[in-house]
């Protein structure tokens, strides 16, 4: 007669539960976040978790996903605002929740925003330089100086 040991006897026991992967009722999360849209006050994952009866780690993960998808605004460490969800439909919300977030995506978005700001600044500087050039050319022409020559008075080539 042979006796088999269970995994508990071997010390395998239960694996620790990852609360961030716990299931959350999307409808409850949607309803709770819609309440925060109108007041547009900062809230924490703990506030939402308590309201819908879900693990805080799972709510935090979903809120972070929604922030990456720009349906929530991350205002401070661990706080969010739901203002951007004002125009969002529930279909967009569900699509955002199911999006797979590349860990590098957040860094890429920050870099894209930085480059856009840099591009806007360079465009502004270029427009200012062109306007200044045009102003200086007008002054030169007013005084009869050909800007293409060696700086002497404009001569009549005929």
C-alpha atoms as a PDB file:
ATOM      1  CA  UNK A   1       0.000   0.000   0.000  1.00  0.00           C
ATOM      2  CA  UNK A   2       1.416   3.380  -0.964  1.00  0.00           C
ATOM      3  CA  UNK A   3       0.512   6.691   0.487  1.00  0.00           C
ATOM      4  CA  UNK A   4       0.766   9.857  -1.567  1.00  0.00           C
ATOM      5  CA  UNK A   5       1.570  13.081   0.104  1.00  0.00           C
ATOM      6  CA  UNK A   6      -0.409  16.188  -0.675  1.00  0.00           C
ATOM      7  CA  UNK A   7       1.289  19.357  -1.797  1.00  0.00           C
ATOM      8  CA  UNK A   8       0.608  20.860   1.599  1.00  0.00           C
ATOM      9  CA  UNK A   9       2.615  18.114   3.292  1.00  0.00           C
ATOM     10  CA  UNK A  10       5.554  18.809   0.987  1.00  0.00           C
ATOM     11  CA  UNK A  11       5.570  22.470   1.906  1.00  0.00           C
ATOM     12  CA  UNK A  12       4.091  23.593  -1.412  1.00  0.00           C
ATOM     13  CA  UNK A  13       1.065  25.088   0.287  1.00  0.00           C
ATOM     14  CA  UNK A  14      -0.938  27.824  -1.356  1.00  0.00           C
ATOM     15  CA  UNK A  15       0.681  30.420  -3.514  1.00  0.00           C
ATOM     16  CA  UNK A  16       0.280  34.031  -2.344  1.00  0.00           C
ATOM     17  CA  UNK A  17      -2.674  35.681  -4.012  1.00  0.00           C
ATOM     18  CA  UNK A  18      -1.858  38.612  -6.286  1.00  0.00           C
ATOM     19  CA  UNK A  19      -4.653  41.054  -5.491  1.00  0.00           C
ATOM     20  CA  UNK A  20      -3.754  43.263  -8.457  1.00  0.00           C
ATOM     21  CA  UNK A  21      -5.054  40.579 -10.813  1.00  0.00           C
ATOM     22  CA  UNK A  22      -8.354  40.172  -8.966  1.00  0.00           C
ATOM     23  CA  UNK A  23     -11.501  40.599 -11.018  1.00  0.00           C
ATOM     24  CA  UNK A  24     -13.358  43.882 -10.692  1.00  0.00           C
ATOM     25  CA  UNK A  25     -16.897  44.429 -11.856  1.00  0.00           C
ATOM     26  CA  UNK A  26     -16.408  46.893 -14.729  1.00  0.00           C
ATOM     27  CA  UNK A  27     -19.935  48.263 -14.362  1.00  0.00           C
ATOM     28  CA  UNK A  28     -19.364  49.089 -10.686  1.00  0.00           C
ATOM     29  CA  UNK A  29     -16.026  50.730 -11.514  1.00  0.00           C
ATOM     30  CA  UNK A  30     -17.647  52.710 -14.359  1.00  0.00           C
ATOM     31  CA  UNK A  31     -20.496  53.866 -12.103  1.00  0.00           C
ATOM     32  CA  UNK A  32     -18.133  54.896  -9.309  1.00  0.00           C
ATOM     33  CA  UNK A  33     -15.804  56.818 -11.634  1.00  0.00           C
ATOM     34  CA  UNK A  34     -18.768  58.582 -13.277  1.00  0.00           C
ATOM     35  CA  UNK A  35     -19.675  59.914  -9.803  1.00  0.00           C
ATOM     36  CA  UNK A  36     -16.200  61.464  -9.604  1.00  0.00           C
ATOM     37  CA  UNK A  37     -16.474  63.095 -13.057  1.00  0.00           C
ATOM     38  CA  UNK A  38     -18.873  65.829 -11.951  1.00  0.00           C
ATOM     39  CA  UNK A  39     -17.065  66.796  -8.760  1.00  0.00           C
ATOM     40  CA  UNK A  40     -13.622  66.469 -10.434  1.00  0.00           C
ATOM     41  CA  UNK A  41     -11.978  66.214  -7.016  1.00  0.00           C
ATOM     42  CA  UNK A  42      -8.856  64.059  -6.563  1.00  0.00           C
ATOM     43  CA  UNK A  43      -9.502  60.535  -5.314  1.00  0.00           C
ATOM     44  CA  UNK A  44      -7.334  57.553  -4.429  1.00  0.00           C
ATOM     45  CA  UNK A  45      -7.578  53.914  -5.430  1.00  0.00           C
ATOM     46  CA  UNK A  46      -8.478  53.195  -1.791  1.00  0.00           C
ATOM     47  CA  UNK A  47     -11.545  55.471  -2.074  1.00  0.00           C
ATOM     48  CA  UNK A  48     -12.775  53.618  -5.151  1.00  0.00           C
ATOM     49  CA  UNK A  49     -11.875  50.190  -3.756  1.00  0.00           C
ATOM     50  CA  UNK A  50     -13.861  50.850  -0.608  1.00  0.00           C
ATOM     51  CA  UNK A  51     -16.849  52.140  -2.583  1.00  0.00           C
ATOM     52  CA  UNK A  52     -17.056  49.108  -4.882  1.00  0.00           C
ATOM     53  CA  UNK A  53     -15.783  46.458  -2.464  1.00  0.00           C
ATOM     54  CA  UNK A  54     -12.752  45.417  -4.502  1.00  0.00           C
ATOM     55  CA  UNK A  55      -9.080  44.917  -3.586  1.00  0.00           C
ATOM     56  CA  UNK A  56      -7.171  48.184  -3.594  1.00  0.00           C
ATOM     57  CA  UNK A  57      -4.286  46.696  -5.605  1.00  0.00           C
ATOM     58  CA  UNK A  58      -6.645  45.673  -8.428  1.00  0.00           C
ATOM     59  CA  UNK A  59      -8.355  49.074  -8.457  1.00  0.00           C
ATOM     60  CA  UNK A  60      -4.977  50.803  -8.470  1.00  0.00           C
ATOM     61  CA  UNK A  61      -3.884  48.739 -11.473  1.00  0.00           C
ATOM     62  CA  UNK A  62      -7.073  49.601 -13.386  1.00  0.00           C
ATOM     63  CA  UNK A  63      -6.822  53.300 -12.542  1.00  0.00           C
ATOM     64  CA  UNK A  64      -3.234  53.346 -13.762  1.00  0.00           C
ATOM     65  CA  UNK A  65      -4.360  51.712 -17.014  1.00  0.00           C
ATOM     66  CA  UNK A  66      -7.112  54.309 -17.419  1.00  0.00           C
ATOM     67  CA  UNK A  67      -4.597  57.091 -16.763  1.00  0.00           C
ATOM     68  CA  UNK A  68      -2.286  55.719 -19.480  1.00  0.00           C
ATOM     69  CA  UNK A  69      -5.262  55.653 -21.823  1.00  0.00           C
ATOM     70  CA  UNK A  70      -5.963  59.280 -20.810  1.00  0.00           C
ATOM     71  CA  UNK A  71      -9.396  58.623 -19.387  1.00  0.00           C
ATOM     72  CA  UNK A  72      -8.171  59.694 -15.958  1.00  0.00           C
ATOM     73  CA  UNK A  73      -5.765  62.434 -14.979  1.00  0.00           C
ATOM     74  CA  UNK A  74      -3.002  61.477 -12.554  1.00  0.00           C
ATOM     75  CA  UNK A  75      -2.620  64.551 -10.360  1.00  0.00           C
ATOM     76  CA  UNK A  76      -0.406  63.545  -7.462  1.00  0.00           C
ATOM     77  CA  UNK A  77       1.262  60.424  -6.204  1.00  0.00           C
ATOM     78  CA  UNK A  78      -1.571  57.943  -5.974  1.00  0.00           C
ATOM     79  CA  UNK A  79      -4.370  60.417  -6.733  1.00  0.00           C
ATOM     80  CA  UNK A  80      -6.499  60.759  -9.831  1.00  0.00           C
ATOM     81  CA  UNK A  81      -9.171  63.012 -11.309  1.00  0.00           C
ATOM     82  CA  UNK A  82     -11.969  61.676 -13.501  1.00  0.00           C
ATOM     83  CA  UNK A  83     -12.550  64.876 -15.512  1.00  0.00           C
ATOM     84  CA  UNK A  84     -11.274  63.462 -18.827  1.00  0.00           C
ATOM     85  CA  UNK A  85     -13.964  60.745 -18.622  1.00  0.00           C
ATOM     86  CA  UNK A  86     -16.693  63.334 -19.122  1.00  0.00           C
ATOM     87  CA  UNK A  87     -16.864  62.727 -22.890  1.00  0.00           C
ATOM     88  CA  UNK A  88     -15.969  59.029 -22.789  1.00  0.00           C
ATOM     89  CA  UNK A  89     -18.500  56.341 -23.557  1.00  0.00           C
ATOM     90  CA  UNK A  90     -18.689  53.081 -21.691  1.00  0.00           C
ATOM     91  CA  UNK A  91     -17.376  51.290 -24.787  1.00  0.00           C
ATOM     92  CA  UNK A  92     -14.244  53.461 -24.766  1.00  0.00           C
ATOM     93  CA  UNK A  93     -13.896  52.798 -21.036  1.00  0.00           C
ATOM     94  CA  UNK A  94     -14.047  49.007 -21.518  1.00  0.00           C
ATOM     95  CA  UNK A  95     -11.624  49.168 -24.444  1.00  0.00           C
ATOM     96  CA  UNK A  96      -9.170  51.159 -22.307  1.00  0.00           C
ATOM     97  CA  UNK A  97      -9.437  48.658 -19.450  1.00  0.00           C
ATOM     98  CA  UNK A  98      -8.615  45.757 -21.733  1.00  0.00           C
ATOM     99  CA  UNK A  99      -5.652  47.507 -23.352  1.00  0.00           C
ATOM    100  CA  UNK A 100      -2.335  45.846 -22.796  1.00  0.00           C
ATOM    101  CA  UNK A 101       0.083  48.417 -21.482  1.00  0.00           C
ATOM    102  CA  UNK A 102       3.645  48.126 -22.593  1.00  0.00           C
ATOM    103  CA  UNK A 103       5.866  49.039 -19.618  1.00  0.00           C
ATOM    104  CA  UNK A 104       7.837  51.389 -21.842  1.00  0.00           C
ATOM    105  CA  UNK A 105       4.681  53.073 -23.134  1.00  0.00           C
ATOM    106  CA  UNK A 106       4.463  55.521 -20.242  1.00  0.00           C
ATOM    107  CA  UNK A 107       8.039  56.619 -20.819  1.00  0.00           C
ATOM    108  CA  UNK A 108       7.364  56.928 -24.534  1.00  0.00           C
ATOM    109  CA  UNK A 109       4.317  59.121 -23.936  1.00  0.00           C
ATOM    110  CA  UNK A 110       6.308  61.410 -21.648  1.00  0.00           C
ATOM    111  CA  UNK A 111       9.022  61.649 -24.299  1.00  0.00           C
ATOM    112  CA  UNK A 112       6.451  62.395 -27.018  1.00  0.00           C
ATOM    113  CA  UNK A 113       4.947  65.192 -24.897  1.00  0.00           C
ATOM    114  CA  UNK A 114       8.428  66.633 -24.306  1.00  0.00           C
ATOM    115  CA  UNK A 115       9.186  66.551 -28.031  1.00  0.00           C
ATOM    116  CA  UNK A 116       5.853  68.199 -28.878  1.00  0.00           C
ATOM    117  CA  UNK A 117       6.581  71.035 -26.451  1.00  0.00           C
ATOM    118  CA  UNK A 118      10.079  71.397 -27.889  1.00  0.00           C
ATOM    119  CA  UNK A 119       8.640  71.454 -31.423  1.00  0.00           C
ATOM    120  CA  UNK A 120       6.134  74.154 -30.448  1.00  0.00           C
ATOM    121  CA  UNK A 121       8.909  76.251 -28.899  1.00  0.00           C
ATOM    122  CA  UNK A 122      11.146  75.908 -31.961  1.00  0.00           C
ATOM    123  CA  UNK A 123       8.245  76.852 -34.253  1.00  0.00           C
ATOM    124  CA  UNK A 124       7.563  79.940 -32.117  1.00  0.00           C
ATOM    125  CA  UNK A 125      11.226  80.975 -32.261  1.00  0.00           C
ATOM    126  CA  UNK A 126      11.370  80.443 -36.027  1.00  0.00           C
ATOM    127  CA  UNK A 127       8.292  82.599 -36.585  1.00  0.00           C
ATOM    128  CA  UNK A 128       9.786  85.336 -34.413  1.00  0.00           C
ATOM    129  CA  UNK A 129      13.062  85.181 -36.391  1.00  0.00           C
ATOM    130  CA  UNK A 130      11.236  85.368 -39.739  1.00  0.00           C
ATOM    131  CA  UNK A 131       9.204  88.344 -38.530  1.00  0.00           C
ATOM    132  CA  UNK A 132      12.369  90.115 -37.342  1.00  0.00           C
ATOM    133  CA  UNK A 133      14.126  89.401 -40.680  1.00  0.00           C
ATOM    134  CA  UNK A 134      11.150  90.814 -42.601  1.00  0.00           C
ATOM    135  CA  UNK A 135      11.163  93.914 -40.391  1.00  0.00           C
ATOM    136  CA  UNK A 136      14.883  94.481 -40.945  1.00  0.00           C
ATOM    137  CA  UNK A 137      14.575  93.941 -44.727  1.00  0.00           C
ATOM    138  CA  UNK A 138      11.803  96.546 -44.839  1.00  0.00           C
ATOM    139  CA  UNK A 139      14.004  99.040 -43.007  1.00  0.00           C
ATOM    140  CA  UNK A 140      16.893  98.398 -45.420  1.00  0.00           C
ATOM    141  CA  UNK A 141      14.648  98.859 -48.463  1.00  0.00           C
ATOM    142  CA  UNK A 142      13.223 102.026 -46.955  1.00  0.00           C
ATOM    143  CA  UNK A 143      16.752 103.477 -46.842  1.00  0.00           C
ATOM    144  CA  UNK A 144      17.585 102.282 -50.340  1.00  0.00           C
ATOM    145  CA  UNK A 145      19.951  99.515 -49.300  1.00  0.00           C
ATOM    146  CA  UNK A 146      19.900  96.259 -51.266  1.00  0.00           C
ATOM    147  CA  UNK A 147      20.280  93.476 -48.685  1.00  0.00           C
ATOM    148  CA  UNK A 148      21.723  91.144 -51.336  1.00  0.00           C
ATOM    149  CA  UNK A 149      24.694  93.441 -52.186  1.00  0.00           C
ATOM    150  CA  UNK A 150      27.768  94.355 -50.223  1.00  0.00           C
ATOM    151  CA  UNK A 151      25.762  96.797 -48.162  1.00  0.00           C
ATOM    152  CA  UNK A 152      26.068  99.828 -50.418  1.00  0.00           C
ATOM    153  CA  UNK A 153      23.166 101.847 -51.813  1.00  0.00           C
ATOM    154  CA  UNK A 154      20.860 100.050 -54.209  1.00  0.00           C
ATOM    155  CA  UNK A 155      22.126 100.531 -57.736  1.00  0.00           C
ATOM    156  CA  UNK A 156      20.024 100.587 -60.858  1.00  0.00           C
ATOM    157  CA  UNK A 157      21.335  97.739 -63.066  1.00  0.00           C
ATOM    158  CA  UNK A 158      20.109  99.364 -66.266  1.00  0.00           C
END
